[in-house]
Amino acid sequence: MVEQHNIDLQWLREESIKCLRRETIDRLLGALEVCEDEVEIVVGDLKLLIPCSQLLSAWANIIHIFCLNDYDLGRRIIVREGDIVVDIGAYLGFFTTYTASLVKPFGRRFPFFP
């Protein structure tokens, strides 16, 4: 069952069009209608699994990380190959997954969520 939140579906669609592939958006929209357990999507070269129970919140989180660059480290911190990243409040781990592409192959990521 898809969660019910005060997340604006129109905003999700508009922001998604700016940076996500059409098939990814279609998959997310389809999951709003029929979603058993989780939905798998591709963002860039990353595969992400989203629990249906958190679909809207996770979709918004993906937009903030991958589209709006709210988590843009480049201005404050430079993450390089081989670095260690600690993600406090990791939620579903999308930012942790994003940093994996920056620190690979020898870097480490440590996600924590209370």
PDB file of N, CA and C in Angstrom:
ATOM      1  N   MET A   1       0.838  -1.183   0.000  1.00  0.00           N
ATOM      2  CA  MET A   1       0.000   0.000   0.000  1.00  0.00           C
ATOM      3  C   MET A   1       0.881   1.243   0.000  1.00  0.00           C
ATOM      4  N   VAL A   2       0.555   2.194  -0.863  1.00  0.00           N
ATOM      5  CA  VAL A   2       1.310   3.435  -0.968  1.00  0.00           C
ATOM      6  C   VAL A   2       0.891   4.379   0.151  1.00  0.00           C
ATOM      7  N   GLU A   3       1.874   5.008   0.758  1.00  0.00           N
ATOM      8  CA  GLU A   3       1.625   5.932   1.864  1.00  0.00           C
ATOM      9  C   GLU A   3       0.767   7.114   1.435  1.00  0.00           C
ATOM     10  N   GLN A   4       0.129   7.733   2.359  1.00  0.00           N
ATOM     11  CA  GLN A   4      -0.653   8.936   2.108  1.00  0.00           C
ATOM     12  C   GLN A   4       0.004  10.096   2.870  1.00  0.00           C
ATOM     13  N   HIS A   5       0.557  11.028   2.156  1.00  0.00           N
ATOM     14  CA  HIS A   5       1.220  12.189   2.745  1.00  0.00           C
ATOM     15  C   HIS A   5       0.756  13.444   2.036  1.00  0.00           C
ATOM     16  N   ASN A   6       1.181  14.555   2.566  1.00  0.00           N
ATOM     17  CA  ASN A   6       0.880  15.832   1.934  1.00  0.00           C
ATOM     18  C   ASN A   6       1.968  16.205   0.940  1.00  0.00           C
ATOM     19  N   ILE A   7       2.389  15.248   0.157  1.00  0.00           N
ATOM     20  CA  ILE A   7       3.398  15.491  -0.868  1.00  0.00           C
ATOM     21  C   ILE A   7       2.657  15.743  -2.169  1.00  0.00           C
ATOM     22  N   ASP A   8       2.986  16.840  -2.816  1.00  0.00           N
ATOM     23  CA  ASP A   8       2.309  17.275  -4.027  1.00  0.00           C
ATOM     24  C   ASP A   8       2.760  16.427  -5.220  1.00  0.00           C
ATOM     25  N   LEU A   9       1.870  15.604  -5.735  1.00  0.00           N
ATOM     26  CA  LEU A   9       2.188  14.741  -6.861  1.00  0.00           C
ATOM     27  C   LEU A   9       2.563  15.548  -8.102  1.00  0.00           C
ATOM     28  N   GLN A  10       1.921  16.671  -8.302  1.00  0.00           N
ATOM     29  CA  GLN A  10       2.250  17.524  -9.450  1.00  0.00           C
ATOM     30  C   GLN A  10       3.692  18.020  -9.343  1.00  0.00           C
ATOM     31  N   TRP A  11       4.125  18.406  -8.143  1.00  0.00           N
ATOM     32  CA  TRP A  11       5.512  18.840  -7.924  1.00  0.00           C
ATOM     33  C   TRP A  11       6.476  17.697  -8.227  1.00  0.00           C
ATOM     34  N   LEU A  12       6.137  16.475  -7.759  1.00  0.00           N
ATOM     35  CA  LEU A  12       6.990  15.319  -8.036  1.00  0.00           C
ATOM     36  C   LEU A  12       7.149  15.120  -9.545  1.00  0.00           C
ATOM     37  N   ARG A  13       6.055  15.203 -10.268  1.00  0.00           N
ATOM     38  CA  ARG A  13       6.112  15.032 -11.733  1.00  0.00           C
ATOM     39  C   ARG A  13       6.955  16.117 -12.389  1.00  0.00           C
ATOM     40  N   GLU A  14       6.695  17.371 -12.035  1.00  0.00           N
ATOM     41  CA  GLU A  14       7.413  18.486 -12.667  1.00  0.00           C
ATOM     42  C   GLU A  14       8.909  18.427 -12.414  1.00  0.00           C
ATOM     43  N   GLU A  15       9.299  18.144 -11.185  1.00  0.00           N
ATOM     44  CA  GLU A  15      10.728  18.077 -10.863  1.00  0.00           C
ATOM     45  C   GLU A  15      11.377  16.845 -11.479  1.00  0.00           C
ATOM     46  N   SER A  16      10.639  15.751 -11.547  1.00  0.00           N
ATOM     47  CA  SER A  16      11.175  14.517 -12.116  1.00  0.00           C
ATOM     48  C   SER A  16      11.503  14.673 -13.593  1.00  0.00           C
ATOM     49  N   ILE A  17      10.651  15.379 -14.312  1.00  0.00           N
ATOM     50  CA  ILE A  17      10.850  15.578 -15.750  1.00  0.00           C
ATOM     51  C   ILE A  17      12.187  16.260 -16.028  1.00  0.00           C
ATOM     52  N   LYS A  18      12.642  17.080 -15.097  1.00  0.00           N
ATOM     53  CA  LYS A  18      13.892  17.827 -15.285  1.00  0.00           C
ATOM     54  C   LYS A  18      15.140  16.953 -15.217  1.00  0.00           C
ATOM     55  N   CYS A  19      15.044  15.767 -14.563  1.00  0.00           N
ATOM     56  CA  CYS A  19      16.291  15.031 -14.365  1.00  0.00           C
ATOM     57  C   CYS A  19      16.176  13.511 -14.386  1.00  0.00           C
ATOM     58  N   LEU A  20      14.986  12.963 -14.380  1.00  0.00           N
ATOM     59  CA  LEU A  20      14.844  11.510 -14.388  1.00  0.00           C
ATOM     60  C   LEU A  20      14.413  11.037 -15.773  1.00  0.00           C
ATOM     61  N   ARG A  21      14.787   9.827 -16.109  1.00  0.00           N
ATOM     62  CA  ARG A  21      14.387   9.236 -17.386  1.00  0.00           C
ATOM     63  C   ARG A  21      12.876   9.029 -17.411  1.00  0.00           C
ATOM     64  N   ARG A  22      12.333   9.103 -18.601  1.00  0.00           N
ATOM     65  CA  ARG A  22      10.879   8.946 -18.773  1.00  0.00           C
ATOM     66  C   ARG A  22      10.408   7.596 -18.227  1.00  0.00           C
ATOM     67  N   GLU A  23      11.169   6.516 -18.496  1.00  0.00           N
ATOM     68  CA  GLU A  23      10.740   5.198 -18.023  1.00  0.00           C
ATOM     69  C   GLU A  23      10.763   5.111 -16.491  1.00  0.00           C
ATOM     70  N   THR A  24      11.657   5.870 -15.861  1.00  0.00           N
ATOM     71  CA  THR A  24      11.703   5.904 -14.396  1.00  0.00           C
ATOM     72  C   THR A  24      10.456   6.594 -13.841  1.00  0.00           C
ATOM     73  N   ILE A  25      10.100   7.708 -14.450  1.00  0.00           N
ATOM     74  CA  ILE A  25       8.899   8.440 -14.027  1.00  0.00           C
ATOM     75  C   ILE A  25       7.659   7.569 -14.232  1.00  0.00           C
ATOM     76  N   ASP A  26       7.580   6.914 -15.390  1.00  0.00           N
ATOM     77  CA  ASP A  26       6.435   6.040 -15.668  1.00  0.00           C
ATOM     78  C   ASP A  26       6.354   4.899 -14.654  1.00  0.00           C
ATOM     79  N   ARG A  27       7.491   4.367 -14.275  1.00  0.00           N
ATOM     80  CA  ARG A  27       7.516   3.276 -13.289  1.00  0.00           C
ATOM     81  C   ARG A  27       7.017   3.764 -11.923  1.00  0.00           C
ATOM     82  N   LEU A  28       7.449   4.964 -11.527  1.00  0.00           N
ATOM     83  CA  LEU A  28       6.995   5.536 -10.254  1.00  0.00           C
ATOM     84  C   LEU A  28       5.496   5.815 -10.281  1.00  0.00           C
ATOM     85  N   LEU A  29       5.024   6.384 -11.369  1.00  0.00           N
ATOM     86  CA  LEU A  29       3.589   6.664 -11.489  1.00  0.00           C
ATOM     87  C   LEU A  29       2.778   5.373 -11.505  1.00  0.00           C
ATOM     88  N   GLY A  30       3.280   4.360 -12.195  1.00  0.00           N
ATOM     89  CA  GLY A  30       2.607   3.068 -12.222  1.00  0.00           C
ATOM     90  C   GLY A  30       2.537   2.433 -10.844  1.00  0.00           C
ATOM     91  N   ALA A  31       3.592   2.623 -10.062  1.00  0.00           N
ATOM     92  CA  ALA A  31       3.628   2.062  -8.708  1.00  0.00           C
ATOM     93  C   ALA A  31       2.594   2.725  -7.803  1.00  0.00           C
ATOM     94  N   LEU A  32       2.191   3.938  -8.135  1.00  0.00           N
ATOM     95  CA  LEU A  32       1.134   4.590  -7.355  1.00  0.00           C
ATOM     96  C   LEU A  32      -0.187   3.840  -7.515  1.00  0.00           C
ATOM     97  N   GLU A  33      -0.373   3.221  -8.683  1.00  0.00           N
ATOM     98  CA  GLU A  33      -1.596   2.476  -8.959  1.00  0.00           C
ATOM     99  C   GLU A  33      -1.512   1.042  -8.446  1.00  0.00           C
ATOM    100  N   VAL A  34      -0.400   0.371  -8.753  1.00  0.00           N
ATOM    101  CA  VAL A  34      -0.214  -1.027  -8.371  1.00  0.00           C
ATOM    102  C   VAL A  34       1.213  -1.209  -7.875  1.00  0.00           C
ATOM    103  N   CYS A  35       1.334  -1.521  -6.600  1.00  0.00           N
ATOM    104  CA  CYS A  35       2.657  -1.737  -6.013  1.00  0.00           C
ATOM    105  C   CYS A  35       2.498  -2.763  -4.897  1.00  0.00           C
ATOM    106  N   GLU A  36       3.104  -3.900  -5.065  1.00  0.00           N
ATOM    107  CA  GLU A  36       2.957  -4.999  -4.100  1.00  0.00           C
ATOM    108  C   GLU A  36       3.867  -4.833  -2.884  1.00  0.00           C
ATOM    109  N   ASP A  37       5.156  -4.738  -3.135  1.00  0.00           N
ATOM    110  CA  ASP A  37       6.133  -4.721  -2.053  1.00  0.00           C
ATOM    111  C   ASP A  37       7.121  -3.572  -2.221  1.00  0.00           C
ATOM    112  N   GLU A  38       7.786  -3.547  -3.371  1.00  0.00           N
ATOM    113  CA  GLU A  38       8.745  -2.492  -3.667  1.00  0.00           C
ATOM    114  C   GLU A  38       8.816  -2.295  -5.173  1.00  0.00           C
ATOM    115  N   VAL A  39       9.353  -1.170  -5.564  1.00  0.00           N
ATOM    116  CA  VAL A  39       9.540  -0.866  -6.976  1.00  0.00           C
ATOM    117  C   VAL A  39      11.015  -0.560  -7.191  1.00  0.00           C
ATOM    118  N   GLU A  40      11.549  -1.086  -8.283  1.00  0.00           N
ATOM    119  CA  GLU A  40      12.947  -0.839  -8.637  1.00  0.00           C
ATOM    120  C   GLU A  40      12.990   0.209  -9.739  1.00  0.00           C
ATOM    121  N   ILE A  41      13.824   1.222  -9.539  1.00  0.00           N
ATOM    122  CA  ILE A  41      13.998   2.259 -10.562  1.00  0.00           C
ATOM    123  C   ILE A  41      15.481   2.457 -10.818  1.00  0.00           C
ATOM    124  N   VAL A  42      15.782   3.132 -11.916  1.00  0.00           N
ATOM    125  CA  VAL A  42      17.154   3.473 -12.263  1.00  0.00           C
ATOM    126  C   VAL A  42      17.271   4.987 -12.288  1.00  0.00           C
ATOM    127  N   VAL A  43      18.270   5.491 -11.561  1.00  0.00           N
ATOM    128  CA  VAL A  43      18.582   6.919 -11.553  1.00  0.00           C
ATOM    129  C   VAL A  43      20.048   7.028 -11.938  1.00  0.00           C
ATOM    130  N   GLY A  44      20.299   7.621 -13.099  1.00  0.00           N
ATOM    131  CA  GLY A  44      21.670   7.634 -13.610  1.00  0.00           C
ATOM    132  C   GLY A  44      22.089   6.200 -13.892  1.00  0.00           C
ATOM    133  N   ASP A  45      23.185   5.773 -13.274  1.00  0.00           N
ATOM    134  CA  ASP A  45      23.614   4.383 -13.429  1.00  0.00           C
ATOM    135  C   ASP A  45      23.371   3.572 -12.153  1.00  0.00           C
ATOM    136  N   LEU A  46      22.524   4.101 -11.278  1.00  0.00           N
ATOM    137  CA  LEU A  46      22.229   3.449  -9.998  1.00  0.00           C
ATOM    138  C   LEU A  46      20.838   2.820 -10.005  1.00  0.00           C
ATOM    139  N   LYS A  47      20.738   1.615  -9.471  1.00  0.00           N
ATOM    140  CA  LYS A  47      19.441   0.966  -9.269  1.00  0.00           C
ATOM    141  C   LYS A  47      19.027   1.202  -7.825  1.00  0.00           C
ATOM    142  N   LEU A  48      17.807   1.667  -7.644  1.00  0.00           N
ATOM    143  CA  LEU A  48      17.275   1.946  -6.312  1.00  0.00           C
ATOM    144  C   LEU A  48      15.995   1.146  -6.088  1.00  0.00           C
ATOM    145  N   LEU A  49      15.846   0.606  -4.892  1.00  0.00           N
ATOM    146  CA  LEU A  49      14.624  -0.082  -4.509  1.00  0.00           C
ATOM    147  C   LEU A  49      13.839   0.799  -3.552  1.00  0.00           C
ATOM    148  N   ILE A  50      12.563   0.976  -3.851  1.00  0.00           N
ATOM    149  CA  ILE A  50      11.707   1.827  -3.032  1.00  0.00           C
ATOM    150  C   ILE A  50      10.575   0.974  -2.452  1.00  0.00           C
ATOM    151  N   PRO A  51      10.459   0.935  -1.127  1.00  0.00           N
ATOM    152  CA  PRO A  51       9.317   0.232  -0.536  1.00  0.00           C
ATOM    153  C   PRO A  51       8.023   0.961  -0.908  1.00  0.00           C
ATOM    154  N   CYS A  52       7.028   0.214  -1.317  1.00  0.00           N
ATOM    155  CA  CYS A  52       5.746   0.819  -1.696  1.00  0.00           C
ATOM    156  C   CYS A  52       5.156   1.632  -0.551  1.00  0.00           C
ATOM    157  N   SER A  53       5.410   1.186   0.663  1.00  0.00           N
ATOM    158  CA  SER A  53       4.853   1.872   1.824  1.00  0.00           C
ATOM    159  C   SER A  53       5.444   3.267   2.023  1.00  0.00           C
ATOM    160  N   GLN A  54       6.536   3.580   1.325  1.00  0.00           N
ATOM    161  CA  GLN A  54       7.187   4.883   1.472  1.00  0.00           C
ATOM    162  C   GLN A  54       7.424   5.551   0.115  1.00  0.00           C
ATOM    163  N   LEU A  55       6.627   5.190  -0.860  1.00  0.00           N
ATOM    164  CA  LEU A  55       6.858   5.607  -2.238  1.00  0.00           C
ATOM    165  C   LEU A  55       6.955   7.122  -2.416  1.00  0.00           C
ATOM    166  N   LEU A  56       5.980   7.867  -1.919  1.00  0.00           N
ATOM    167  CA  LEU A  56       5.977   9.316  -2.144  1.00  0.00           C
ATOM    168  C   LEU A  56       7.132  10.005  -1.427  1.00  0.00           C
ATOM    169  N   SER A  57       7.390   9.647  -0.189  1.00  0.00           N
ATOM    170  CA  SER A  57       8.502  10.245   0.554  1.00  0.00           C
ATOM    171  C   SER A  57       9.834   9.906  -0.099  1.00  0.00           C
ATOM    172  N   ALA A  58       9.988   8.658  -0.525  1.00  0.00           N
ATOM    173  CA  ALA A  58      11.230   8.238  -1.173  1.00  0.00           C
ATOM    174  C   ALA A  58      11.414   8.961  -2.498  1.00  0.00           C
ATOM    175  N   TRP A  59      10.340   9.111  -3.265  1.00  0.00           N
ATOM    176  CA  TRP A  59      10.404   9.815  -4.544  1.00  0.00           C
ATOM    177  C   TRP A  59      10.851  11.255  -4.312  1.00  0.00           C
ATOM    178  N   ALA A  60      10.281  11.916  -3.322  1.00  0.00           N
ATOM    179  CA  ALA A  60      10.691  13.290  -2.996  1.00  0.00           C
ATOM    180  C   ALA A  60      12.161  13.328  -2.578  1.00  0.00           C
ATOM    181  N   ASN A  61      12.600  12.340  -1.810  1.00  0.00           N
ATOM    182  CA  ASN A  61      13.996  12.271  -1.378  1.00  0.00           C
ATOM    183  C   ASN A  61      14.927  12.108  -2.571  1.00  0.00           C
ATOM    184  N   ILE A  62      14.544  11.302  -3.533  1.00  0.00           N
ATOM    185  CA  ILE A  62      15.336  11.107  -4.750  1.00  0.00           C
ATOM    186  C   ILE A  62      15.466  12.422  -5.510  1.00  0.00           C
ATOM    187  N   ILE A  63      14.373  13.164  -5.608  1.00  0.00           N
ATOM    188  CA  ILE A  63      14.421  14.456  -6.301  1.00  0.00           C
ATOM    189  C   ILE A  63      15.390  15.402  -5.593  1.00  0.00           C
ATOM    190  N   HIS A  64      15.331  15.447  -4.278  1.00  0.00           N
ATOM    191  CA  HIS A  64      16.226  16.348  -3.532  1.00  0.00           C
ATOM    192  C   HIS A  64      17.693  15.964  -3.699  1.00  0.00           C
ATOM    193  N   ILE A  65      17.994  14.678  -3.738  1.00  0.00           N
ATOM    194  CA  ILE A  65      19.380  14.231  -3.850  1.00  0.00           C
ATOM    195  C   ILE A  65      19.896  14.337  -5.282  1.00  0.00           C
ATOM    196  N   PHE A  66      19.145  13.802  -6.240  1.00  0.00           N
ATOM    197  CA  PHE A  66      19.647  13.652  -7.596  1.00  0.00           C
ATOM    198  C   PHE A  66      19.246  14.777  -8.550  1.00  0.00           C
ATOM    199  N   CYS A  67      18.185  15.512  -8.251  1.00  0.00           N
ATOM    200  CA  CYS A  67      17.707  16.544  -9.175  1.00  0.00           C
ATOM    201  C   CYS A  67      18.014  17.953  -8.676  1.00  0.00           C
ATOM    202  N   LEU A  68      17.651  18.227  -7.448  1.00  0.00           N
ATOM    203  CA  LEU A  68      17.819  19.573  -6.904  1.00  0.00           C
ATOM    204  C   LEU A  68      19.195  19.777  -6.283  1.00  0.00           C
ATOM    205  N   ASN A  69      19.943  18.689  -6.144  1.00  0.00           N
ATOM    206  CA  ASN A  69      21.291  18.740  -5.552  1.00  0.00           C
ATOM    207  C   ASN A  69      21.303  19.393  -4.177  1.00  0.00           C
ATOM    208  N   ASP A  70      20.255  19.149  -3.405  1.00  0.00           N
ATOM    209  CA  ASP A  70      20.210  19.670  -2.036  1.00  0.00           C
ATOM    210  C   ASP A  70      21.354  19.120  -1.198  1.00  0.00           C
ATOM    211  N   TYR A  71      21.866  17.971  -1.592  1.00  0.00           N
ATOM    212  CA  TYR A  71      22.946  17.329  -0.855  1.00  0.00           C
ATOM    213  C   TYR A  71      24.293  17.558  -1.552  1.00  0.00           C
ATOM    214  N   ASP A  72      24.378  18.607  -2.363  1.00  0.00           N
ATOM    215  CA  ASP A  72      25.591  18.886  -3.131  1.00  0.00           C
ATOM    216  C   ASP A  72      26.768  19.093  -2.195  1.00  0.00           C
ATOM    217  N   LEU A  73      27.704  18.183  -2.258  1.00  0.00           N
ATOM    218  CA  LEU A  73      28.873  18.251  -1.381  1.00  0.00           C
ATOM    219  C   LEU A  73      29.971  19.126  -1.960  1.00  0.00           C
ATOM    220  N   GLY A  74      29.958  19.346  -3.243  1.00  0.00           N
ATOM    221  CA  GLY A  74      31.057  20.014  -3.917  1.00  0.00           C
ATOM    222  C   GLY A  74      31.424  21.373  -3.379  1.00  0.00           C
ATOM    223  N   ARG A  75      30.481  22.079  -2.818  1.00  0.00           N
ATOM    224  CA  ARG A  75      30.767  23.421  -2.306  1.00  0.00           C
ATOM    225  C   ARG A  75      31.410  23.382  -0.929  1.00  0.00           C
ATOM    226  N   ARG A  76      31.115  22.351  -0.160  1.00  0.00           N
ATOM    227  CA  ARG A  76      31.601  22.284   1.216  1.00  0.00           C
ATOM    228  C   ARG A  76      32.649  21.194   1.418  1.00  0.00           C
ATOM    229  N   ILE A  77      32.385  20.062   0.833  1.00  0.00           N
ATOM    230  CA  ILE A  77      33.235  18.893   1.036  1.00  0.00           C
ATOM    231  C   ILE A  77      33.469  18.242  -0.328  1.00  0.00           C
ATOM    232  N   ILE A  78      34.673  17.840  -0.561  1.00  0.00           N
ATOM    233  CA  ILE A  78      34.973  17.120  -1.792  1.00  0.00           C
ATOM    234  C   ILE A  78      35.156  15.645  -1.433  1.00  0.00           C
ATOM    235  N   VAL A  79      34.290  14.802  -1.983  1.00  0.00           N
ATOM    236  CA  VAL A  79      34.376  13.361  -1.758  1.00  0.00           C
ATOM    237  C   VAL A  79      35.161  12.771  -2.920  1.00  0.00           C
ATOM    238  N   ARG A  80      36.216  12.047  -2.561  1.00  0.00           N
ATOM    239  CA  ARG A  80      37.089  11.467  -3.574  1.00  0.00           C
ATOM    240  C   ARG A  80      37.085   9.948  -3.477  1.00  0.00           C
ATOM    241  N   GLU A  81      37.577   9.344  -4.521  1.00  0.00           N
ATOM    242  CA  GLU A  81      37.745   7.902  -4.541  1.00  0.00           C
ATOM    243  C   GLU A  81      38.581   7.476  -3.338  1.00  0.00           C
ATOM    244  N   GLY A  82      38.093   6.471  -2.618  1.00  0.00           N
ATOM    245  CA  GLY A  82      38.807   5.957  -1.456  1.00  0.00           C
ATOM    246  C   GLY A  82      38.415   6.598  -0.134  1.00  0.00           C
ATOM    247  N   ASP A  83      37.606   7.649  -0.157  1.00  0.00           N
ATOM    248  CA  ASP A  83      37.180   8.320   1.078  1.00  0.00           C
ATOM    249  C   ASP A  83      36.202   7.463   1.877  1.00  0.00           C
ATOM    250  N   ILE A  84      35.998   7.857   3.118  1.00  0.00           N
ATOM    251  CA  ILE A  84      35.003   7.246   3.987  1.00  0.00           C
ATOM    252  C   ILE A  84      33.874   8.260   4.173  1.00  0.00           C
ATOM    253  N   VAL A  85      32.637   7.822   3.950  1.00  0.00           N
ATOM    254  CA  VAL A  85      31.465   8.694   4.103  1.00  0.00           C
ATOM    255  C   VAL A  85      30.564   8.106   5.179  1.00  0.00           C
ATOM    256  N   VAL A  86      30.187   8.924   6.148  1.00  0.00           N
ATOM    257  CA  VAL A  86      29.245   8.524   7.188  1.00  0.00           C
ATOM    258  C   VAL A  86      27.954   9.305   6.934  1.00  0.00           C
ATOM    259  N   ASP A  87      26.876   8.589   6.719  1.00  0.00           N
ATOM    260  CA  ASP A  87      25.581   9.195   6.421  1.00  0.00           C
ATOM    261  C   ASP A  87      24.685   9.025   7.652  1.00  0.00           C
ATOM    262  N   ILE A  88      24.602  10.074   8.463  1.00  0.00           N
ATOM    263  CA  ILE A  88      23.783  10.050   9.666  1.00  0.00           C
ATOM    264  C   ILE A  88      22.360  10.457   9.278  1.00  0.00           C
ATOM    265  N   GLY A  89      21.393   9.601   9.546  1.00  0.00           N
ATOM    266  CA  GLY A  89      20.013   9.845   9.131  1.00  0.00           C
ATOM    267  C   GLY A  89      19.786   9.371   7.714  1.00  0.00           C
ATOM    268  N   ALA A  90      20.288   8.211   7.379  1.00  0.00           N
ATOM    269  CA  ALA A  90      20.348   7.709   6.009  1.00  0.00           C
ATOM    270  C   ALA A  90      18.990   7.427   5.360  1.00  0.00           C
ATOM    271  N   TYR A  91      17.931   7.351   6.137  1.00  0.00           N
ATOM    272  CA  TYR A  91      16.598   7.040   5.617  1.00  0.00           C
ATOM    273  C   TYR A  91      16.663   5.753   4.801  1.00  0.00           C
ATOM    274  N   LEU A  92      16.403   5.776   3.502  1.00  0.00           N
ATOM    275  CA  LEU A  92      16.435   4.567   2.685  1.00  0.00           C
ATOM    276  C   LEU A  92      17.783   4.331   2.013  1.00  0.00           C
ATOM    277  N   GLY A  93      18.744   5.213   2.254  1.00  0.00           N
ATOM    278  CA  GLY A  93      20.098   4.999   1.757  1.00  0.00           C
ATOM    279  C   GLY A  93      20.383   5.527   0.366  1.00  0.00           C
ATOM    280  N   PHE A  94      19.528   6.396  -0.167  1.00  0.00           N
ATOM    281  CA  PHE A  94      19.755   6.899  -1.516  1.00  0.00           C
ATOM    282  C   PHE A  94      21.010   7.772  -1.590  1.00  0.00           C
ATOM    283  N   PHE A  95      21.231   8.623  -0.575  1.00  0.00           N
ATOM    284  CA  PHE A  95      22.437   9.443  -0.566  1.00  0.00           C
ATOM    285  C   PHE A  95      23.665   8.561  -0.382  1.00  0.00           C
ATOM    286  N   THR A  96      23.555   7.542   0.441  1.00  0.00           N
ATOM    287  CA  THR A  96      24.656   6.596   0.629  1.00  0.00           C
ATOM    288  C   THR A  96      24.995   5.920  -0.697  1.00  0.00           C
ATOM    289  N   THR A  97      23.974   5.540  -1.439  1.00  0.00           N
ATOM    290  CA  THR A  97      24.178   4.931  -2.753  1.00  0.00           C
ATOM    291  C   THR A  97      24.833   5.923  -3.704  1.00  0.00           C
ATOM    292  N   TYR A  98      24.382   7.164  -3.662  1.00  0.00           N
ATOM    293  CA  TYR A  98      24.977   8.212  -4.498  1.00  0.00           C
ATOM    294  C   TYR A  98      26.466   8.364  -4.186  1.00  0.00           C
ATOM    295  N   THR A  99      26.828   8.425  -2.906  1.00  0.00           N
ATOM    296  CA  THR A  99      28.240   8.592  -2.551  1.00  0.00           C
ATOM    297  C   THR A  99      29.069   7.372  -2.915  1.00  0.00           C
ATOM    298  N   ALA A 100      28.430   6.210  -3.021  1.00  0.00           N
ATOM    299  CA  ALA A 100      29.154   5.004  -3.435  1.00  0.00           C
ATOM    300  C   ALA A 100      29.794   5.209  -4.801  1.00  0.00           C
ATOM    301  N   SER A 101      29.106   5.931  -5.671  1.00  0.00           N
ATOM    302  CA  SER A 101      29.657   6.183  -7.000  1.00  0.00           C
ATOM    303  C   SER A 101      30.838   7.152  -6.947  1.00  0.00           C
ATOM    304  N   LEU A 102      30.954   7.910  -5.876  1.00  0.00           N
ATOM    305  CA  LEU A 102      32.055   8.870  -5.733  1.00  0.00           C
ATOM    306  C   LEU A 102      33.294   8.252  -5.086  1.00  0.00           C
ATOM    307  N   VAL A 103      33.111   7.324  -4.169  1.00  0.00           N
ATOM    308  CA  VAL A 103      34.238   6.776  -3.399  1.00  0.00           C
ATOM    309  C   VAL A 103      34.743   5.440  -3.935  1.00  0.00           C
ATOM    310  N   LYS A 104      34.078   4.889  -4.928  1.00  0.00           N
ATOM    311  CA  LYS A 104      34.446   3.569  -5.425  1.00  0.00           C
ATOM    312  C   LYS A 104      35.861   3.532  -5.952  1.00  0.00           C
ATOM    313  N   PRO A 105      36.524   2.450  -6.026  1.00  0.00           N
ATOM    314  CA  PRO A 105      36.120   1.142  -5.537  1.00  0.00           C
ATOM    315  C   PRO A 105      36.596   0.864  -4.110  1.00  0.00           C
ATOM    316  N   PHE A 106      37.450   1.728  -3.561  1.00  0.00           N
ATOM    317  CA  PHE A 106      38.054   1.422  -2.265  1.00  0.00           C
ATOM    318  C   PHE A 106      37.486   2.227  -1.105  1.00  0.00           C
ATOM    319  N   GLY A 107      36.578   3.141  -1.378  1.00  0.00           N
ATOM    320  CA  GLY A 107      35.982   3.940  -0.314  1.00  0.00           C
ATOM    321  C   GLY A 107      34.988   3.133   0.496  1.00  0.00           C
ATOM    322  N   ARG A 108      34.588   3.708   1.602  1.00  0.00           N
ATOM    323  CA  ARG A 108      33.635   3.038   2.496  1.00  0.00           C
ATOM    324  C   ARG A 108      32.487   3.984   2.780  1.00  0.00           C
ATOM    325  N   ARG A 109      31.292   3.407   2.960  1.00  0.00           N
ATOM    326  CA  ARG A 109      30.111   4.172   3.329  1.00  0.00           C
ATOM    327  C   ARG A 109      29.493   3.523   4.545  1.00  0.00           C
ATOM    328  N   PHE A 110      29.102   4.357   5.478  1.00  0.00           N
ATOM    329  CA  PHE A 110      28.467   3.884   6.699  1.00  0.00           C
ATOM    330  C   PHE A 110      27.161   4.637   6.917  1.00  0.00           C
ATOM    331  N   PRO A 111      26.026   4.027   6.520  1.00  0.00           N
ATOM    332  CA  PRO A 111      24.734   4.679   6.738  1.00  0.00           C
ATOM    333  C   PRO A 111      24.167   4.326   8.116  1.00  0.00           C
ATOM    334  N   PHE A 112      23.623   5.342   8.791  1.00  0.00           N
ATOM    335  CA  PHE A 112      22.965   5.128  10.072  1.00  0.00           C
ATOM    336  C   PHE A 112      21.602   5.790  10.037  1.00  0.00           C
ATOM    337  N   PHE A 113      20.606   5.041  10.503  1.00  0.00           N
ATOM    338  CA  PHE A 113      19.266   5.595  10.614  1.00  0.00           C
ATOM    339  C   PHE A 113      18.686   5.089  11.928  1.00  0.00           C
ATOM    340  N   PRO A 114      18.201   6.006  12.748  1.00  0.00           N
ATOM    341  CA  PRO A 114      17.741   5.576  14.090  1.00  0.00           C
ATOM    342  C   PRO A 114      16.588   4.597  14.057  1.00  0.00           C
TER     343      PRO A 114
END
